[in-house]
Amino acid sequence: MLFSLLVSFNTGSPKILLFIKEGSTELEYMLTNEVGKMSEIIKQSGFEVTIATISGKVLNSGSVTVKPDLKLSEVNIDEYAGVIIPCMTLDLATPEMIAFVKSAVDKGKPIAAQAGSVTLLARAGILNGKKYTYNHDANAETDFESSIYSGTGVIQDGIIITSGSCPWISKETGWQDGTAKLTQTLVETIKAKTK
């Protein structure tokens, strides 16, 4: 089954960049239950979805195949109204990823991150002095020590939107999955900025 998340033609609609980390141990589950849901909500809200990964290579896991539109290095952040990052970057925050999220925030682009990806925002320093949600209070960790832990739900602080519970965490803990609310909050934030 080809799991199509791409809009490869120019619809004239504002674009949201969906950045996926490659190599997740639960890739099929996350592509289906998180990335697929994010993409669907974004498209139904009138936005175009562009998918980027570090390598730009096809993601194939079980019955799910996703072909990214771009490598992260090819992204021109000026072309996007906002950025969303599913829960797949906990174990890695490369200099390229850190520079990318810093650039997005510096240019005033709303950015939404879920669970493990919240760590990427912290490592980029963009959570300093900001409220965030995560699957635990991480303030004792160096990257988070200047941030304000606010539980496991979805919270917005300016243009930064975080969720502490992705579909996998929800499955493991029984906590409410934040995917739909995180994505909808990003969409509403972008729409409010463009009025």
N, C-alpha and C. Protein backbone atom coordinates (compact mmCIF):
# COMPACT_ATOMS: atom_id res chain seq x y z
N MET A 1 0.85 -1.18 0.00
CA MET A 1 0.00 0.00 0.00
C MET A 1 0.89 1.24 0.00
N LEU A 2 0.65 2.12 -0.90
CA LEU A 2 1.38 3.39 -0.93
C LEU A 2 0.61 4.38 -0.09
N PHE A 3 1.24 4.87 0.94
CA PHE A 3 0.61 5.80 1.87
C PHE A 3 0.95 7.19 1.41
N SER A 4 0.08 7.79 0.64
CA SER A 4 0.39 9.06 0.01
C SER A 4 0.11 10.22 0.95
N LEU A 5 1.15 10.95 1.26
CA LEU A 5 1.02 12.14 2.10
C LEU A 5 1.42 13.38 1.32
N LEU A 6 1.65 13.22 0.04
CA LEU A 6 2.25 14.29 -0.73
C LEU A 6 1.23 15.09 -1.50
N VAL A 7 1.52 16.35 -1.66
CA VAL A 7 0.80 17.18 -2.62
C VAL A 7 1.90 17.71 -3.52
N SER A 8 2.05 17.11 -4.70
CA SER A 8 3.22 17.42 -5.52
C SER A 8 2.94 18.49 -6.57
N PHE A 9 1.76 19.08 -6.55
CA PHE A 9 1.46 20.14 -7.49
C PHE A 9 1.20 21.42 -6.71
N ASN A 10 1.35 22.54 -7.36
CA ASN A 10 1.18 23.83 -6.70
C ASN A 10 -0.29 24.22 -6.73
N THR A 11 -0.92 24.19 -5.57
CA THR A 11 -2.33 24.53 -5.49
C THR A 11 -2.55 26.00 -5.20
N GLY A 12 -1.48 26.71 -4.90
CA GLY A 12 -1.62 28.11 -4.51
C GLY A 12 -1.98 28.26 -3.05
N SER A 13 -2.16 27.14 -2.36
CA SER A 13 -2.49 27.17 -0.93
C SER A 13 -1.22 27.40 -0.12
N PRO A 14 -1.36 27.98 1.08
CA PRO A 14 -0.19 28.09 1.95
C PRO A 14 0.33 26.70 2.29
N LYS A 15 1.63 26.61 2.49
CA LYS A 15 2.26 25.31 2.74
C LYS A 15 2.71 25.18 4.19
N ILE A 16 2.56 23.97 4.71
CA ILE A 16 3.10 23.60 6.02
C ILE A 16 4.13 22.51 5.79
N LEU A 17 5.31 22.66 6.39
CA LEU A 17 6.35 21.66 6.28
C LEU A 17 6.18 20.64 7.39
N LEU A 18 6.14 19.37 7.01
CA LEU A 18 6.07 18.26 7.96
C LEU A 18 7.43 17.57 7.89
N PHE A 19 8.22 17.71 8.96
CA PHE A 19 9.57 17.16 9.00
C PHE A 19 9.55 15.84 9.77
N ILE A 20 9.98 14.78 9.10
CA ILE A 20 9.95 13.43 9.68
C ILE A 20 11.38 12.94 9.90
N LYS A 21 11.62 12.40 11.07
CA LYS A 21 12.92 11.78 11.35
C LYS A 21 12.90 10.35 10.83
N GLU A 22 13.95 10.00 10.14
CA GLU A 22 14.09 8.63 9.63
C GLU A 22 14.60 7.70 10.73
N GLY A 23 14.30 6.42 10.60
CA GLY A 23 14.89 5.42 11.48
C GLY A 23 14.15 5.18 12.78
N SER A 24 12.93 5.66 12.92
CA SER A 24 12.16 5.38 14.12
C SER A 24 11.92 3.88 14.25
N THR A 25 12.02 3.36 15.46
CA THR A 25 11.79 1.92 15.67
C THR A 25 10.32 1.56 15.48
N GLU A 26 9.43 2.52 15.58
CA GLU A 26 8.00 2.30 15.40
C GLU A 26 7.51 3.07 14.18
N LEU A 27 8.29 3.06 13.11
CA LEU A 27 8.02 3.91 11.96
C LEU A 27 6.64 3.66 11.34
N GLU A 28 6.27 2.42 11.10
CA GLU A 28 4.97 2.15 10.47
C GLU A 28 3.83 2.68 11.32
N TYR A 29 3.89 2.43 12.62
CA TYR A 29 2.83 2.89 13.53
C TYR A 29 2.75 4.42 13.52
N MET A 30 3.90 5.08 13.58
CA MET A 30 3.91 6.54 13.65
C MET A 30 3.50 7.17 12.32
N LEU A 31 3.95 6.59 11.19
CA LEU A 31 3.53 7.14 9.90
C LEU A 31 2.02 7.03 9.73
N THR A 32 1.46 5.92 10.14
CA THR A 32 0.03 5.70 9.97
C THR A 32 -0.79 6.54 10.94
N ASN A 33 -0.44 6.51 12.23
CA ASN A 33 -1.28 7.10 13.27
C ASN A 33 -0.96 8.54 13.64
N GLU A 34 0.20 9.01 13.27
CA GLU A 34 0.59 10.38 13.61
C GLU A 34 0.78 11.23 12.36
N VAL A 35 1.73 10.85 11.51
CA VAL A 35 2.00 11.60 10.28
C VAL A 35 0.77 11.63 9.39
N GLY A 36 0.11 10.50 9.23
CA GLY A 36 -1.09 10.44 8.40
C GLY A 36 -2.20 11.35 8.92
N LYS A 37 -2.39 11.36 10.23
CA LYS A 37 -3.42 12.21 10.84
C LYS A 37 -3.07 13.69 10.69
N MET A 38 -1.80 14.02 10.94
CA MET A 38 -1.35 15.41 10.79
C MET A 38 -1.59 15.89 9.36
N SER A 39 -1.17 15.07 8.41
CA SER A 39 -1.31 15.43 7.00
C SER A 39 -2.77 15.63 6.62
N GLU A 40 -3.62 14.74 7.06
CA GLU A 40 -5.05 14.83 6.75
C GLU A 40 -5.67 16.12 7.30
N ILE A 41 -5.38 16.45 8.55
CA ILE A 41 -5.93 17.66 9.17
C ILE A 41 -5.43 18.91 8.43
N ILE A 42 -4.15 18.92 8.10
CA ILE A 42 -3.57 20.07 7.39
C ILE A 42 -4.26 20.27 6.04
N LYS A 43 -4.39 19.19 5.28
CA LYS A 43 -5.03 19.28 3.96
C LYS A 43 -6.49 19.70 4.07
N GLN A 44 -7.21 19.12 5.03
CA GLN A 44 -8.62 19.47 5.21
C GLN A 44 -8.80 20.93 5.64
N SER A 45 -7.76 21.52 6.18
CA SER A 45 -7.80 22.92 6.61
C SER A 45 -7.42 23.88 5.50
N GLY A 46 -7.15 23.35 4.31
CA GLY A 46 -6.85 24.20 3.17
C GLY A 46 -5.39 24.49 2.93
N PHE A 47 -4.51 23.77 3.58
CA PHE A 47 -3.08 23.96 3.42
C PHE A 47 -2.48 22.83 2.59
N GLU A 48 -1.36 23.11 1.98
CA GLU A 48 -0.60 22.09 1.27
C GLU A 48 0.43 21.52 2.23
N VAL A 49 0.67 20.21 2.15
CA VAL A 49 1.66 19.55 2.99
C VAL A 49 2.90 19.24 2.16
N THR A 50 4.06 19.63 2.68
CA THR A 50 5.33 19.25 2.08
C THR A 50 6.09 18.45 3.13
N ILE A 51 6.59 17.29 2.73
CA ILE A 51 7.31 16.42 3.66
C ILE A 51 8.80 16.50 3.39
N ALA A 52 9.56 16.67 4.47
CA ALA A 52 11.02 16.68 4.38
C ALA A 52 11.62 15.69 5.36
N THR A 53 12.73 15.10 4.98
CA THR A 53 13.55 14.27 5.86
C THR A 53 15.00 14.71 5.66
N ILE A 54 15.89 14.21 6.48
CA ILE A 54 17.29 14.55 6.32
C ILE A 54 17.82 14.06 4.97
N SER A 55 17.55 12.79 4.62
CA SER A 55 18.13 12.21 3.41
C SER A 55 17.28 12.40 2.16
N GLY A 56 15.97 12.58 2.32
CA GLY A 56 15.08 12.66 1.18
C GLY A 56 14.72 11.29 0.60
N LYS A 57 15.21 10.22 1.23
CA LYS A 57 14.95 8.86 0.74
C LYS A 57 13.56 8.40 1.15
N VAL A 58 13.01 7.47 0.36
CA VAL A 58 11.69 6.91 0.62
C VAL A 58 11.69 6.21 1.98
N LEU A 59 10.63 6.45 2.76
CA LEU A 59 10.44 5.76 4.02
C LEU A 59 9.50 4.59 3.75
N ASN A 60 9.96 3.39 4.06
CA ASN A 60 9.18 2.20 3.78
C ASN A 60 9.19 1.32 5.02
N SER A 61 8.01 1.07 5.57
CA SER A 61 7.91 0.25 6.76
C SER A 61 6.61 -0.54 6.70
N GLY A 62 6.73 -1.84 6.57
CA GLY A 62 5.54 -2.68 6.49
C GLY A 62 4.70 -2.32 5.28
N SER A 63 3.46 -1.96 5.53
CA SER A 63 2.54 -1.63 4.44
C SER A 63 2.54 -0.14 4.09
N VAL A 64 3.41 0.63 4.73
CA VAL A 64 3.40 2.08 4.56
C VAL A 64 4.66 2.54 3.82
N THR A 65 4.44 3.33 2.78
CA THR A 65 5.55 3.94 2.05
C THR A 65 5.29 5.44 1.91
N VAL A 66 6.26 6.24 2.29
CA VAL A 66 6.15 7.69 2.17
C VAL A 66 7.36 8.20 1.40
N LYS A 67 7.10 8.93 0.34
CA LYS A 67 8.18 9.54 -0.45
C LYS A 67 8.26 11.02 -0.10
N PRO A 68 9.32 11.42 0.60
CA PRO A 68 9.48 12.84 0.95
C PRO A 68 9.58 13.71 -0.30
N ASP A 69 9.16 14.96 -0.16
CA ASP A 69 9.27 15.93 -1.25
C ASP A 69 10.67 16.51 -1.34
N LEU A 70 11.33 16.64 -0.19
CA LEU A 70 12.60 17.35 -0.12
C LEU A 70 13.51 16.77 0.95
N LYS A 71 14.81 17.04 0.79
CA LYS A 71 15.75 16.88 1.89
C LYS A 71 15.63 18.14 2.75
N LEU A 72 15.89 18.02 4.03
CA LEU A 72 15.82 19.19 4.91
C LEU A 72 16.73 20.30 4.41
N SER A 73 17.89 19.94 3.88
CA SER A 73 18.85 20.95 3.40
C SER A 73 18.31 21.73 2.20
N GLU A 74 17.29 21.23 1.53
CA GLU A 74 16.71 21.89 0.36
C GLU A 74 15.55 22.82 0.72
N VAL A 75 15.14 22.81 1.97
CA VAL A 75 13.97 23.59 2.39
C VAL A 75 14.31 25.07 2.45
N ASN A 76 13.47 25.89 1.83
CA ASN A 76 13.53 27.34 1.97
C ASN A 76 12.39 27.71 2.91
N ILE A 77 12.70 27.99 4.16
CA ILE A 77 11.67 28.20 5.17
C ILE A 77 10.73 29.35 4.82
N ASP A 78 11.19 30.28 4.00
CA ASP A 78 10.35 31.41 3.60
C ASP A 78 9.12 30.96 2.82
N GLU A 79 9.14 29.77 2.23
CA GLU A 79 8.04 29.26 1.43
C GLU A 79 6.92 28.63 2.27
N TYR A 80 7.13 28.55 3.59
CA TYR A 80 6.19 27.81 4.45
C TYR A 80 5.54 28.72 5.48
N ALA A 81 4.28 28.42 5.76
CA ALA A 81 3.54 29.18 6.76
C ALA A 81 3.82 28.67 8.16
N GLY A 82 4.29 27.43 8.28
CA GLY A 82 4.57 26.85 9.57
C GLY A 82 5.23 25.49 9.42
N VAL A 83 5.62 24.91 10.56
CA VAL A 83 6.34 23.64 10.60
C VAL A 83 5.72 22.75 11.66
N ILE A 84 5.61 21.45 11.34
CA ILE A 84 5.16 20.48 12.35
C ILE A 84 6.13 19.30 12.35
N ILE A 85 6.47 18.85 13.55
CA ILE A 85 7.44 17.76 13.69
C ILE A 85 6.83 16.68 14.57
N PRO A 86 6.54 15.51 13.99
CA PRO A 86 6.01 14.40 14.78
C PRO A 86 7.02 13.90 15.79
N CYS A 87 6.58 12.99 16.64
CA CYS A 87 7.42 12.42 17.70
C CYS A 87 8.40 11.42 17.12
N MET A 88 9.49 11.92 16.57
CA MET A 88 10.48 10.99 16.06
C MET A 88 11.89 11.51 16.13
N THR A 89 12.18 12.49 16.97
CA THR A 89 13.54 13.05 16.97
C THR A 89 14.20 13.03 18.34
N LEU A 90 13.71 12.22 19.25
CA LEU A 90 14.24 12.22 20.61
C LEU A 90 15.74 11.91 20.66
N ASP A 91 16.19 10.92 19.91
CA ASP A 91 17.56 10.44 20.04
C ASP A 91 18.57 11.21 19.19
N LEU A 92 18.10 12.18 18.42
CA LEU A 92 19.02 12.85 17.52
C LEU A 92 18.60 14.29 17.28
N ALA A 93 19.51 15.18 17.45
CA ALA A 93 19.28 16.58 17.08
C ALA A 93 20.56 17.05 16.42
N THR A 94 20.67 16.84 15.13
CA THR A 94 21.89 17.19 14.40
C THR A 94 22.02 18.71 14.30
N PRO A 95 23.22 19.19 14.02
CA PRO A 95 23.37 20.63 13.82
C PRO A 95 22.44 21.17 12.73
N GLU A 96 22.22 20.38 11.68
CA GLU A 96 21.32 20.80 10.60
C GLU A 96 19.88 20.96 11.11
N MET A 97 19.41 20.02 11.91
CA MET A 97 18.06 20.09 12.46
C MET A 97 17.92 21.28 13.40
N ILE A 98 18.91 21.48 14.25
CA ILE A 98 18.89 22.60 15.21
C ILE A 98 18.87 23.93 14.46
N ALA A 99 19.73 24.06 13.44
CA ALA A 99 19.77 25.30 12.66
C ALA A 99 18.43 25.54 11.97
N PHE A 100 17.81 24.48 11.48
CA PHE A 100 16.53 24.61 10.79
C PHE A 100 15.44 25.14 11.72
N VAL A 101 15.28 24.54 12.92
CA VAL A 101 14.21 25.01 13.80
C VAL A 101 14.49 26.42 14.31
N LYS A 102 15.76 26.74 14.55
CA LYS A 102 16.10 28.11 14.94
C LYS A 102 15.71 29.10 13.85
N SER A 103 16.03 28.75 12.61
CA SER A 103 15.71 29.61 11.48
C SER A 103 14.20 29.82 11.36
N ALA A 104 13.43 28.74 11.52
CA ALA A 104 11.97 28.85 11.42
C ALA A 104 11.43 29.82 12.47
N VAL A 105 11.89 29.68 13.70
CA VAL A 105 11.41 30.55 14.79
C VAL A 105 11.90 31.98 14.59
N ASP A 106 13.16 32.14 14.18
CA ASP A 106 13.69 33.49 13.93
C ASP A 106 12.88 34.23 12.88
N LYS A 107 12.31 33.49 11.93
CA LYS A 107 11.51 34.10 10.87
C LYS A 107 10.03 34.17 11.23
N GLY A 108 9.72 33.87 12.49
CA GLY A 108 8.34 34.01 12.97
C GLY A 108 7.39 32.93 12.50
N LYS A 109 7.92 31.78 12.09
CA LYS A 109 7.07 30.69 11.63
C LYS A 109 6.57 29.89 12.83
N PRO A 110 5.26 29.72 12.97
CA PRO A 110 4.75 28.85 14.03
C PRO A 110 5.32 27.44 13.86
N ILE A 111 5.71 26.84 14.96
CA ILE A 111 6.30 25.51 14.92
C ILE A 111 5.66 24.64 15.98
N ALA A 112 5.25 23.45 15.59
CA ALA A 112 4.60 22.50 16.50
C ALA A 112 5.45 21.24 16.58
N ALA A 113 5.66 20.75 17.80
CA ALA A 113 6.47 19.55 18.00
C ALA A 113 5.77 18.65 19.01
N GLN A 114 5.88 17.36 18.76
CA GLN A 114 5.19 16.39 19.61
C GLN A 114 6.18 15.45 20.29
N ALA A 115 5.98 15.25 21.58
CA ALA A 115 6.72 14.29 22.41
C ALA A 115 8.22 14.37 22.17
N GLY A 116 8.86 13.33 21.62
CA GLY A 116 10.30 13.32 21.45
C GLY A 116 10.85 14.51 20.70
N SER A 117 10.07 15.06 19.79
CA SER A 117 10.53 16.21 19.01
C SER A 117 10.64 17.48 19.84
N VAL A 118 9.99 17.51 20.98
CA VAL A 118 10.12 18.67 21.87
C VAL A 118 11.58 18.83 22.30
N THR A 119 12.28 17.71 22.40
CA THR A 119 13.70 17.75 22.74
C THR A 119 14.50 18.54 21.71
N LEU A 120 14.15 18.39 20.44
CA LEU A 120 14.83 19.15 19.38
C LEU A 120 14.67 20.65 19.62
N LEU A 121 13.46 21.07 19.97
CA LEU A 121 13.24 22.49 20.24
C LEU A 121 14.08 22.95 21.43
N ALA A 122 14.14 22.11 22.47
CA ALA A 122 14.93 22.46 23.65
C ALA A 122 16.40 22.57 23.31
N ARG A 123 16.91 21.62 22.54
CA ARG A 123 18.33 21.65 22.17
C ARG A 123 18.66 22.83 21.28
N ALA A 124 17.67 23.34 20.56
CA ALA A 124 17.87 24.52 19.72
C ALA A 124 17.79 25.81 20.54
N GLY A 125 17.41 25.69 21.82
CA GLY A 125 17.33 26.86 22.70
C GLY A 125 16.07 27.68 22.54
N ILE A 126 15.11 27.21 21.76
CA ILE A 126 13.92 28.03 21.53
C ILE A 126 12.82 27.81 22.57
N LEU A 127 13.08 26.93 23.55
CA LEU A 127 12.13 26.78 24.66
C LEU A 127 12.54 27.60 25.88
N ASN A 128 13.69 28.26 25.81
CA ASN A 128 14.14 29.06 26.95
C ASN A 128 13.09 30.08 27.34
N GLY A 129 12.64 30.01 28.59
CA GLY A 129 11.63 30.93 29.08
C GLY A 129 10.22 30.64 28.59
N LYS A 130 10.04 29.53 27.86
CA LYS A 130 8.74 29.18 27.30
C LYS A 130 8.11 28.01 28.04
N LYS A 131 6.77 27.97 28.01
CA LYS A 131 6.05 26.81 28.51
C LYS A 131 6.14 25.70 27.47
N TYR A 132 6.26 24.47 27.96
CA TYR A 132 6.29 23.33 27.06
C TYR A 132 5.60 22.14 27.73
N THR A 133 5.16 21.19 26.90
CA THR A 133 4.63 19.94 27.43
C THR A 133 5.52 18.82 26.92
N TYR A 134 5.53 17.73 27.70
CA TYR A 134 6.42 16.61 27.37
C TYR A 134 5.90 15.40 28.13
N ASN A 135 6.51 14.23 27.91
CA ASN A 135 6.03 13.04 28.62
C ASN A 135 6.57 12.94 30.04
N HIS A 136 7.37 13.91 30.45
CA HIS A 136 7.82 14.04 31.85
C HIS A 136 8.39 15.45 32.04
N ASP A 137 8.55 15.83 33.29
CA ASP A 137 9.16 17.12 33.60
C ASP A 137 10.66 17.00 33.35
N ALA A 138 11.14 17.66 32.30
CA ALA A 138 12.54 17.53 31.89
C ALA A 138 13.40 18.69 32.37
N ASN A 139 12.90 19.53 33.27
CA ASN A 139 13.64 20.72 33.68
C ASN A 139 14.98 20.44 34.33
N ALA A 140 15.19 19.22 34.82
CA ALA A 140 16.48 18.87 35.40
C ALA A 140 17.51 18.61 34.30
N GLU A 141 17.06 18.42 33.07
CA GLU A 141 17.96 18.18 31.95
C GLU A 141 18.49 19.52 31.43
N THR A 142 19.75 19.57 31.08
CA THR A 142 20.40 20.81 30.67
C THR A 142 19.64 21.57 29.60
N ASP A 143 19.16 20.86 28.58
CA ASP A 143 18.49 21.54 27.46
C ASP A 143 17.18 22.21 27.87
N PHE A 144 16.58 21.74 28.95
CA PHE A 144 15.26 22.22 29.37
C PHE A 144 15.29 23.14 30.60
N GLU A 145 16.44 23.34 31.21
CA GLU A 145 16.48 23.99 32.52
C GLU A 145 15.94 25.41 32.55
N SER A 146 15.89 26.09 31.43
CA SER A 146 15.33 27.45 31.40
C SER A 146 13.90 27.48 30.88
N SER A 147 13.28 26.30 30.76
CA SER A 147 11.92 26.19 30.23
C SER A 147 10.93 25.90 31.34
N ILE A 148 9.64 26.02 31.03
CA ILE A 148 8.60 25.87 32.04
C ILE A 148 7.74 24.66 31.70
N TYR A 149 7.91 23.57 32.44
CA TYR A 149 7.15 22.35 32.20
C TYR A 149 5.67 22.59 32.53
N SER A 150 4.79 22.17 31.61
CA SER A 150 3.36 22.44 31.76
C SER A 150 2.49 21.20 31.52
N GLY A 151 3.00 20.03 31.85
CA GLY A 151 2.20 18.81 31.75
C GLY A 151 2.42 18.04 30.46
N THR A 152 1.45 17.16 30.16
CA THR A 152 1.60 16.26 29.01
C THR A 152 0.64 16.58 27.87
N GLY A 153 -0.24 17.52 28.03
CA GLY A 153 -1.22 17.85 26.99
C GLY A 153 -0.62 18.71 25.89
N VAL A 154 -1.43 19.55 25.29
CA VAL A 154 -0.97 20.47 24.24
C VAL A 154 -0.98 21.88 24.82
N ILE A 155 0.11 22.61 24.60
CA ILE A 155 0.18 23.99 25.09
C ILE A 155 0.86 24.85 24.03
N GLN A 156 0.44 26.10 24.00
CA GLN A 156 1.03 27.06 23.08
C GLN A 156 1.63 28.20 23.88
N ASP A 157 2.83 28.60 23.50
CA ASP A 157 3.49 29.77 24.08
C ASP A 157 4.03 30.57 22.90
N GLY A 158 3.29 31.60 22.52
CA GLY A 158 3.66 32.37 21.33
C GLY A 158 3.49 31.52 20.09
N ILE A 159 4.56 31.41 19.30
CA ILE A 159 4.48 30.61 18.06
C ILE A 159 4.96 29.17 18.28
N ILE A 160 5.27 28.82 19.52
CA ILE A 160 5.73 27.47 19.85
C ILE A 160 4.56 26.67 20.41
N ILE A 161 4.29 25.52 19.80
CA ILE A 161 3.20 24.64 20.23
C ILE A 161 3.80 23.27 20.50
N THR A 162 3.53 22.72 21.68
CA THR A 162 4.08 21.41 22.02
C THR A 162 3.00 20.48 22.54
N SER A 163 3.25 19.20 22.34
CA SER A 163 2.37 18.14 22.84
C SER A 163 3.24 17.08 23.49
N GLY A 164 2.85 16.62 24.66
CA GLY A 164 3.63 15.61 25.38
C GLY A 164 3.26 14.18 25.08
N SER A 165 2.20 13.97 24.29
CA SER A 165 1.75 12.59 24.06
C SER A 165 1.41 12.34 22.60
N CYS A 166 2.18 11.47 21.98
CA CYS A 166 1.96 11.05 20.59
C CYS A 166 1.13 9.75 20.61
N PRO A 167 0.77 9.22 19.44
CA PRO A 167 -0.01 7.98 19.43
C PRO A 167 0.68 6.82 20.15
N TRP A 168 2.00 6.69 19.98
CA TRP A 168 2.70 5.58 20.64
C TRP A 168 2.68 5.73 22.16
N ILE A 169 2.95 6.93 22.65
CA ILE A 169 2.89 7.16 24.10
C ILE A 169 1.48 6.93 24.61
N SER A 170 0.50 7.40 23.86
CA SER A 170 -0.90 7.19 24.24
C SER A 170 -1.21 5.70 24.35
N LYS A 171 -0.74 4.94 23.39
CA LYS A 171 -0.96 3.48 23.39
C LYS A 171 -0.32 2.83 24.61
N GLU A 172 0.87 3.30 24.98
CA GLU A 172 1.62 2.71 26.08
C GLU A 172 1.14 3.16 27.46
N THR A 173 0.60 4.39 27.56
CA THR A 173 0.27 4.96 28.87
C THR A 173 -1.22 5.17 29.12
N GLY A 174 -2.00 5.23 28.04
CA GLY A 174 -3.42 5.56 28.18
C GLY A 174 -3.67 7.06 28.20
N TRP A 175 -2.61 7.88 28.10
CA TRP A 175 -2.79 9.33 28.04
C TRP A 175 -3.46 9.68 26.72
N GLN A 176 -4.10 10.82 26.67
CA GLN A 176 -4.75 11.26 25.44
C GLN A 176 -3.68 11.62 24.39
N ASP A 177 -3.87 11.12 23.18
CA ASP A 177 -2.98 11.44 22.06
C ASP A 177 -3.19 12.90 21.68
N GLY A 178 -2.10 13.66 21.57
CA GLY A 178 -2.20 15.09 21.26
C GLY A 178 -2.14 15.44 19.79
N THR A 179 -2.06 14.44 18.91
CA THR A 179 -1.83 14.70 17.48
C THR A 179 -2.83 15.67 16.86
N ALA A 180 -4.12 15.38 17.02
CA ALA A 180 -5.15 16.21 16.38
C ALA A 180 -5.14 17.62 16.95
N LYS A 181 -5.07 17.75 18.27
CA LYS A 181 -5.11 19.09 18.89
C LYS A 181 -3.86 19.89 18.53
N LEU A 182 -2.70 19.25 18.53
CA LEU A 182 -1.46 19.93 18.17
C LEU A 182 -1.55 20.47 16.74
N THR A 183 -1.99 19.62 15.83
CA THR A 183 -2.07 20.01 14.42
C THR A 183 -3.09 21.12 14.21
N GLN A 184 -4.26 20.98 14.85
CA GLN A 184 -5.31 21.99 14.70
C GLN A 184 -4.86 23.33 15.30
N THR A 185 -4.14 23.28 16.41
CA THR A 185 -3.64 24.51 17.02
C THR A 185 -2.65 25.21 16.10
N LEU A 186 -1.79 24.44 15.44
CA LEU A 186 -0.86 25.02 14.47
C LEU A 186 -1.63 25.69 13.33
N VAL A 187 -2.61 24.99 12.79
CA VAL A 187 -3.42 25.52 11.68
C VAL A 187 -4.10 26.82 12.10
N GLU A 188 -4.72 26.83 13.28
CA GLU A 188 -5.42 28.02 13.76
C GLU A 188 -4.45 29.18 13.99
N THR A 189 -3.26 28.89 14.48
CA THR A 189 -2.24 29.92 14.71
C THR A 189 -1.81 30.55 13.38
N ILE A 190 -1.60 29.71 12.37
CA ILE A 190 -1.22 30.23 11.05
C ILE A 190 -2.33 31.06 10.46
N LYS A 191 -3.57 30.59 10.55
CA LYS A 191 -4.70 31.35 10.01
C LYS A 191 -4.84 32.69 10.70
N ALA A 192 -4.64 32.72 12.03
CA ALA A 192 -4.75 33.97 12.78
C ALA A 192 -3.65 34.96 12.36
N LYS A 193 -2.45 34.46 12.05
CA LYS A 193 -1.34 35.31 11.63
C LYS A 193 -1.55 35.92 10.25
N THR A 194 -2.33 35.22 9.42
CA THR A 194 -2.50 35.67 8.02
C THR A 194 -3.78 36.44 7.79
N LYS A 195 -4.54 36.73 8.83
CA LYS A 195 -5.79 37.51 8.67
C LYS A 195 -5.49 38.95 8.38
